[in-house]
Protein backbone atom coordinates (compact mmCIF):
# COMPACT_ATOMS: atom_id res chain seq x y z
CA MET A 1 77.96 91.69 123.09
CA ASN A 2 74.53 90.52 121.85
CA LYS A 3 73.78 89.10 118.42
CA THR A 4 72.53 92.42 117.02
CA GLU A 5 75.70 94.22 118.07
CA GLN A 6 77.85 91.43 116.62
CA THR A 7 75.99 91.68 113.31
CA SER A 8 76.36 95.47 113.29
CA ARG A 9 80.09 95.23 113.97
CA PHE A 10 80.52 92.60 111.25
CA LEU A 11 78.76 94.81 108.71
CA ARG A 12 80.84 97.85 109.69
CA ARG A 13 84.08 95.95 109.26
CA TYR A 14 83.26 94.05 106.09
CA ALA A 15 80.83 96.32 104.23
CA THR A 16 83.74 97.60 102.11
CA VAL A 17 84.58 94.03 101.11
CA PHE A 18 80.97 93.47 100.08
CA GLY A 19 81.09 96.77 98.20
CA TYR A 20 84.11 95.55 96.25
CA ILE A 21 82.27 92.34 95.36
CA VAL A 22 79.37 94.45 94.07
CA LEU A 23 81.83 96.53 92.02
CA LEU A 24 83.34 93.37 90.50
CA THR A 25 79.88 92.05 89.71
CA PHE A 26 78.80 95.31 88.06
CA PHE A 27 81.81 95.56 85.77
CA SER A 28 81.55 91.85 84.94
CA LEU A 29 78.01 92.42 83.71
CA VAL A 30 78.69 95.57 81.67
CA SER A 31 81.95 94.41 80.06
CA LYS A 32 82.69 90.93 78.74
CA ARG A 33 86.44 91.67 78.81
CA PHE A 34 86.50 92.49 82.53
CA LEU A 35 86.09 89.07 84.13
CA SER A 36 89.28 87.33 83.02
CA LEU A 37 92.55 86.29 84.63
CA ASN A 38 94.54 88.43 82.21
CA ASN A 39 92.53 91.54 83.09
CA PHE A 40 92.86 90.91 86.83
CA ILE A 41 96.63 90.57 86.43
CA THR A 42 96.57 93.82 84.47
CA ILE A 43 94.80 95.52 87.38
CA LEU A 44 97.40 94.20 89.87
CA ARG A 45 100.29 95.29 87.66
CA THR A 46 98.75 98.74 87.20
CA ILE A 47 98.15 99.36 90.90
CA ALA A 48 101.49 97.98 92.14
CA PRO A 49 103.30 101.36 92.46
CA LEU A 50 100.23 103.05 93.95
CA ALA A 51 99.65 100.20 96.42
CA ILE A 52 103.26 100.26 97.62
CA LEU A 53 103.10 104.03 98.06
CA SER A 54 99.76 103.77 99.89
CA LEU A 55 101.06 101.08 102.25
CA GLY A 56 103.90 103.39 103.29
CA LEU A 57 101.49 106.31 103.72
CA THR A 58 99.36 104.14 106.01
CA PHE A 59 102.08 104.21 108.68
CA VAL A 60 101.93 108.02 108.80
CA MET A 61 98.15 108.17 108.75
CA ILE A 62 97.89 105.70 111.63
CA THR A 63 99.52 108.43 113.75
CA LYS A 64 96.73 110.83 112.67
CA ARG A 65 99.06 112.71 110.36
CA THR A 66 99.50 112.85 106.61
CA ASP A 67 102.15 113.32 103.95
CA LEU A 68 101.19 115.59 101.06
CA SER A 69 104.66 115.32 99.51
CA ILE A 70 104.32 111.70 98.37
CA GLY A 71 103.39 112.54 94.78
CA TYR A 72 106.37 114.88 94.38
CA SER A 73 108.58 112.42 96.26
CA THR A 74 107.71 109.56 93.93
CA SER A 75 108.37 111.74 90.90
CA ILE A 76 111.81 112.94 92.01
CA LEU A 77 112.79 109.47 93.25
CA GLY A 78 111.95 108.15 89.78
CA ILE A 79 114.38 110.73 88.42
CA VAL A 80 116.96 109.65 91.01
CA VAL A 81 116.90 106.01 89.92
CA GLY A 82 116.89 106.99 86.25
CA ALA A 83 119.73 109.51 86.59
CA CYS A 84 121.85 107.07 88.61
CA MET A 85 121.70 104.53 85.80
CA LYS A 86 121.73 106.78 82.74
CA ARG A 87 123.81 109.80 83.72
CA PHE A 88 126.07 108.55 86.53
CA GLY A 89 126.68 105.02 85.33
CA PHE A 90 125.55 103.24 88.50
CA PRO A 91 124.61 99.56 88.22
CA VAL A 92 120.90 98.78 88.41
CA TRP A 93 120.89 97.45 91.98
CA GLY A 94 123.15 100.27 93.13
CA SER A 95 120.69 102.76 91.66
CA VAL A 96 117.79 101.05 93.43
CA ILE A 97 119.62 101.21 96.77
CA VAL A 98 120.45 104.90 96.28
CA THR A 99 116.77 105.57 95.53
CA MET A 100 115.69 103.77 98.70
CA VAL A 101 118.18 105.82 100.74
CA ALA A 102 116.95 109.01 99.07
CA GLY A 103 113.35 108.06 99.93
CA ALA A 104 114.30 107.43 103.55
CA THR A 105 116.06 110.82 103.58
CA ILE A 106 112.94 112.60 102.34
CA GLY A 107 110.93 110.78 105.00
CA THR A 108 113.44 111.86 107.63
CA VAL A 109 113.15 115.50 106.61
CA ASN A 110 109.35 115.31 106.68
CA GLY A 111 109.32 113.52 110.02
CA PHE A 112 111.81 115.89 111.62
CA ALA A 113 109.84 118.94 110.47
CA VAL A 114 106.58 117.51 111.82
CA ALA A 115 107.70 115.72 114.98
CA TYR A 116 110.64 117.76 116.24
CA VAL A 117 110.22 121.24 114.76
CA GLY A 118 106.46 121.12 115.36
CA ILE A 119 105.30 122.34 111.95
CA PRO A 120 101.76 121.11 111.20
CA ASP A 121 102.00 118.04 108.97
CA PHE A 122 99.79 119.59 106.28
CA ILE A 123 102.03 122.65 105.93
CA ALA A 124 105.37 120.88 106.36
CA THR A 125 104.80 118.09 103.87
CA LEU A 126 103.09 120.34 101.33
CA GLY A 127 106.00 122.80 101.48
CA ILE A 128 108.59 120.03 101.19
CA GLY A 129 106.59 118.58 98.29
CA TYR A 130 106.72 121.86 96.39
CA LEU A 131 110.43 122.12 97.14
CA LEU A 132 111.02 118.63 95.73
CA GLY A 133 108.93 119.46 92.67
CA GLY A 134 110.98 122.59 92.04
CA LEU A 135 114.29 120.75 92.41
CA ASN A 136 113.00 118.06 90.09
CA GLN A 137 112.08 120.54 87.38
CA ALA A 138 115.34 122.45 87.84
CA TYR A 139 117.37 119.29 87.25
CA THR A 140 115.35 117.77 84.41
CA LYS A 141 114.11 120.97 82.74
CA GLY A 142 110.90 119.02 82.25
CA TYR A 143 112.51 116.27 80.15
CA SER A 144 112.28 112.56 80.83
CA ILE A 145 115.20 110.17 81.25
CA SER A 146 115.05 106.90 79.33
CA SER A 147 117.09 104.12 77.64
CA PHE A 148 117.82 102.14 80.79
CA PRO A 149 119.65 98.81 80.96
CA ASP A 150 117.48 95.84 80.03
CA SER A 151 117.92 94.35 83.51
CA PHE A 152 115.96 97.29 84.96
CA ASN A 153 112.86 95.90 83.24
CA LEU A 154 112.73 93.31 86.04
CA PHE A 155 110.94 95.66 88.44
CA GLY A 156 108.05 96.77 86.30
CA MET A 157 107.83 94.90 83.01
CA GLN A 158 109.02 91.32 83.37
CA ARG A 159 106.69 88.46 84.25
CA ILE A 160 107.38 85.10 85.86
CA LYS A 161 106.80 82.44 83.17
CA GLY A 162 105.18 85.17 81.12
CA VAL A 163 102.18 85.40 83.47
CA LEU A 164 102.76 86.89 86.93
CA PRO A 165 104.40 90.36 86.88
CA VAL A 166 107.44 90.75 89.11
CA SER A 167 105.99 94.09 90.24
CA VAL A 168 103.10 92.19 91.86
CA ILE A 169 105.59 89.96 93.69
CA ILE A 170 107.37 93.10 94.93
CA LEU A 171 104.03 94.47 96.13
CA LEU A 172 103.28 91.27 98.04
CA LEU A 173 106.75 91.25 99.62
CA VAL A 174 106.39 94.89 100.69
CA PHE A 175 102.98 94.13 102.17
CA LEU A 176 104.31 91.13 104.13
CA VAL A 177 107.30 93.06 105.50
CA PHE A 178 105.18 96.09 106.43
CA TYR A 179 102.52 93.84 107.95
CA PHE A 180 105.14 92.14 110.11
CA VAL A 181 106.43 95.52 111.25
CA ILE A 182 102.97 96.86 112.07
CA SER A 183 101.72 93.74 113.86
CA LYS A 184 104.78 92.13 115.43
CA THR A 185 107.03 94.98 116.57
CA ARG A 186 106.87 97.57 119.33
CA PHE A 187 107.08 100.29 116.71
CA GLY A 188 103.81 99.07 115.18
CA ARG A 189 102.09 99.03 118.57
CA TYR A 190 103.47 102.47 119.40
CA ILE A 191 102.17 104.21 116.28
CA TYR A 192 98.69 102.75 116.83
CA SER A 193 98.91 103.98 120.41
CA ILE A 194 99.93 107.44 119.18
CA GLY A 195 96.98 107.51 116.79
CA GLY A 196 94.61 106.36 119.52
CA ASN A 197 95.69 108.75 122.27
CA GLU A 198 98.92 110.66 121.74
CA GLU A 199 98.94 112.34 125.15
CA ALA A 200 98.43 109.08 127.03
CA THR A 201 101.14 107.44 124.91
CA MET A 202 103.56 110.21 125.81
CA MET A 203 102.66 109.96 129.50
CA SER A 204 103.42 106.23 129.42
CA GLY A 205 107.03 106.97 128.55
CA ILE A 206 106.96 106.19 124.83
CA ASN A 207 109.03 108.52 122.66
CA VAL A 208 106.25 109.90 120.47
CA LYS A 209 108.46 112.13 118.34
CA LYS A 210 110.89 109.33 117.51
CA ASN A 211 108.11 106.99 116.42
CA ILE A 212 106.41 109.64 114.28
CA LEU A 213 109.78 110.19 112.62
CA LYS A 214 110.07 106.45 111.97
CA ALA A 215 106.59 106.40 110.41
CA TYR A 216 107.64 109.11 107.95
CA ILE A 217 110.84 107.22 107.14
CA VAL A 218 108.81 104.09 106.31
CA CYS A 219 106.59 106.26 104.11
CA GLY A 220 109.68 107.60 102.32
CA ILE A 221 111.04 104.10 101.74
CA GLY A 222 107.67 103.10 100.33
CA ALA A 223 107.86 106.05 97.93
CA GLY A 224 111.33 104.91 96.86
CA ILE A 225 110.17 101.37 96.09
CA ALA A 226 107.09 102.70 94.29
CA ALA A 227 109.28 105.02 92.21
CA VAL A 228 111.51 102.13 91.10
CA VAL A 229 108.52 100.00 90.07
CA MET A 230 106.79 102.94 88.39
CA THR A 231 109.87 103.99 86.41
CA SER A 232 110.56 100.43 85.29
CA LYS A 233 106.92 99.98 84.26
CA LEU A 234 106.90 103.20 82.23
CA GLY A 235 110.33 102.60 80.71
CA GLN A 236 111.30 106.17 81.50
CA ALA A 237 111.72 108.55 84.42
CA ASN A 238 109.18 111.30 83.91
CA PRO A 239 109.54 114.35 86.23
CA THR A 240 105.78 114.46 86.90
CA ALA A 241 104.88 110.76 86.71
CA GLY A 242 104.15 110.32 90.41
CA GLU A 243 102.22 113.50 91.13
CA SER A 244 98.85 111.97 90.26
CA TYR A 245 99.35 109.31 92.94
CA LEU A 246 98.64 111.66 95.84
CA LEU A 247 94.86 111.71 95.50
CA ASP A 248 94.61 107.98 94.79
CA ALA A 249 96.91 107.09 97.71
CA MET A 250 94.89 109.21 100.11
CA ALA A 251 91.68 107.65 98.79
CA SER A 252 93.13 104.15 99.23
CA VAL A 253 94.08 104.72 102.86
CA TYR A 254 90.82 106.45 103.78
CA LEU A 255 88.81 103.79 102.01
CA GLY A 256 90.86 101.09 103.71
CA ALA A 257 90.14 102.63 107.10
CA THR A 258 86.48 101.66 106.64
CA ALA A 259 87.41 97.96 106.44
CA PHE A 260 88.57 95.44 109.06
CA LYS A 261 89.02 98.04 111.82
CA ASP A 262 86.58 100.63 113.19
CA GLY A 263 87.79 103.71 111.37
CA GLU A 264 91.53 103.07 111.75
CA PRO A 265 93.96 102.95 108.82
CA ASN A 266 95.33 99.44 108.38
CA LEU A 267 97.50 97.74 105.77
CA LEU A 268 95.02 95.08 104.65
CA GLY A 269 92.34 97.74 104.30
CA THR A 270 94.71 99.97 102.32
CA LEU A 271 95.46 97.11 99.94
CA LEU A 272 91.71 96.58 99.48
CA GLY A 273 91.24 100.32 98.96
CA THR A 274 93.90 100.34 96.25
CA LEU A 275 92.25 97.36 94.59
CA ILE A 276 88.95 99.23 94.56
CA ILE A 277 90.57 102.32 93.02
CA GLY A 278 92.39 100.22 90.41
CA THR A 279 89.35 98.08 89.59
CA MET A 280 87.17 101.15 89.21
CA SER A 281 89.68 102.78 86.86
CA ASN A 282 90.05 99.60 84.82
CA GLY A 283 86.31 99.01 84.60
CA LEU A 284 85.55 102.58 83.58
CA THR A 285 88.25 102.38 80.91
CA LEU A 286 86.71 99.20 79.49
CA MET A 287 83.36 101.01 79.43
CA ASN A 288 84.96 103.83 77.41
CA VAL A 289 83.68 106.54 79.75
CA PRO A 290 85.30 110.01 79.66
CA TYR A 291 88.58 110.32 81.60
CA PHE A 292 87.20 112.89 84.05
CA VAL A 293 84.63 110.41 85.38
CA LYS A 294 87.44 108.63 87.23
CA ASP A 295 88.36 111.85 89.05
CA ILE A 296 84.72 112.43 89.98
CA ALA A 297 84.38 108.85 91.23
CA THR A 298 87.64 109.09 93.23
CA GLY A 299 86.50 112.34 94.83
CA LEU A 300 83.19 110.77 95.81
CA ILE A 301 85.00 107.76 97.24
CA ILE A 302 87.16 110.00 99.44
CA ILE A 303 84.13 111.93 100.72
CA ILE A 304 82.19 108.74 101.44
CA ALA A 305 85.18 107.00 103.03
CA VAL A 306 86.02 109.94 105.30
CA THR A 307 82.38 110.22 106.33
CA ILE A 308 82.13 106.52 107.14
CA THR A 309 85.44 106.62 109.02
CA ALA A 310 84.24 109.58 111.11
CA LEU A 311 80.98 107.80 111.94
CA GLN A 312 82.86 104.63 112.90
CA LYS A 313 85.11 106.59 115.24
CA MET A 314 82.15 108.37 116.83
CA ARG A 315 80.38 105.04 117.41
CA LYS A 316 83.56 103.51 118.82
CA GLN A 317 83.98 106.38 121.25
């Protein structure tokens, strides 16, 4: 590989990082309140549920599939953790464990429908998402659940020494565990192999269906953790609180696919993508721009990220 090719590859892999630096510089210039430790911690605390959800979604998208139920899943899992504590009298940690199991169950249903039944992932996960949304509304009648035990504040509101939010620590722990799984286990290698060439992976004797199922289970667990953090941060379980995360999670993963690898979803890239989404939202809020500008900007980011990812894949091939 000559020097020109090395430079081109470097720019392809790290252009998104440079773009984030430009974004930070822009908001620092237009808002005096942006460039501060307190504001950066606010951004991290705000994006924690979204980042956790996006990291789980990355596993599915590595296999060249998606999960359109994640917004509905996060919403109903928030109701699960809230109902366990408030209506069924479960202890806080017991409620968290039940929520994680419920998330894994949703992931199992999604994965089974896609991998074993053969329903296209778009249709299967969208249908399951609507089903979850309907069940959620049927149970809550549209009302939130609140007045949780004070100890539940740990996951979304408490800070270590009054500075570092526990939710950020949870995000970092989830990232480290997921990163270990994706980089140090056969499962991680298998799902990248499936995303690269599914037919060749199957011919090599790897159980493709089983590993796709596992990817959806990881995604479901991520939704469960995100729901716990989100519900604790809000102080209530709202039946629609997680639905807005779908677009941002997809944007984070697609944007992350433009960084560090040539058009492939990856966990570090997803984390960077979530930071970009969160920083953009925070900066626009400090600038007092209309709320709909964020949606326009997110839509543009998705279009640009998908285009860049497609170009990277074409060049790689």
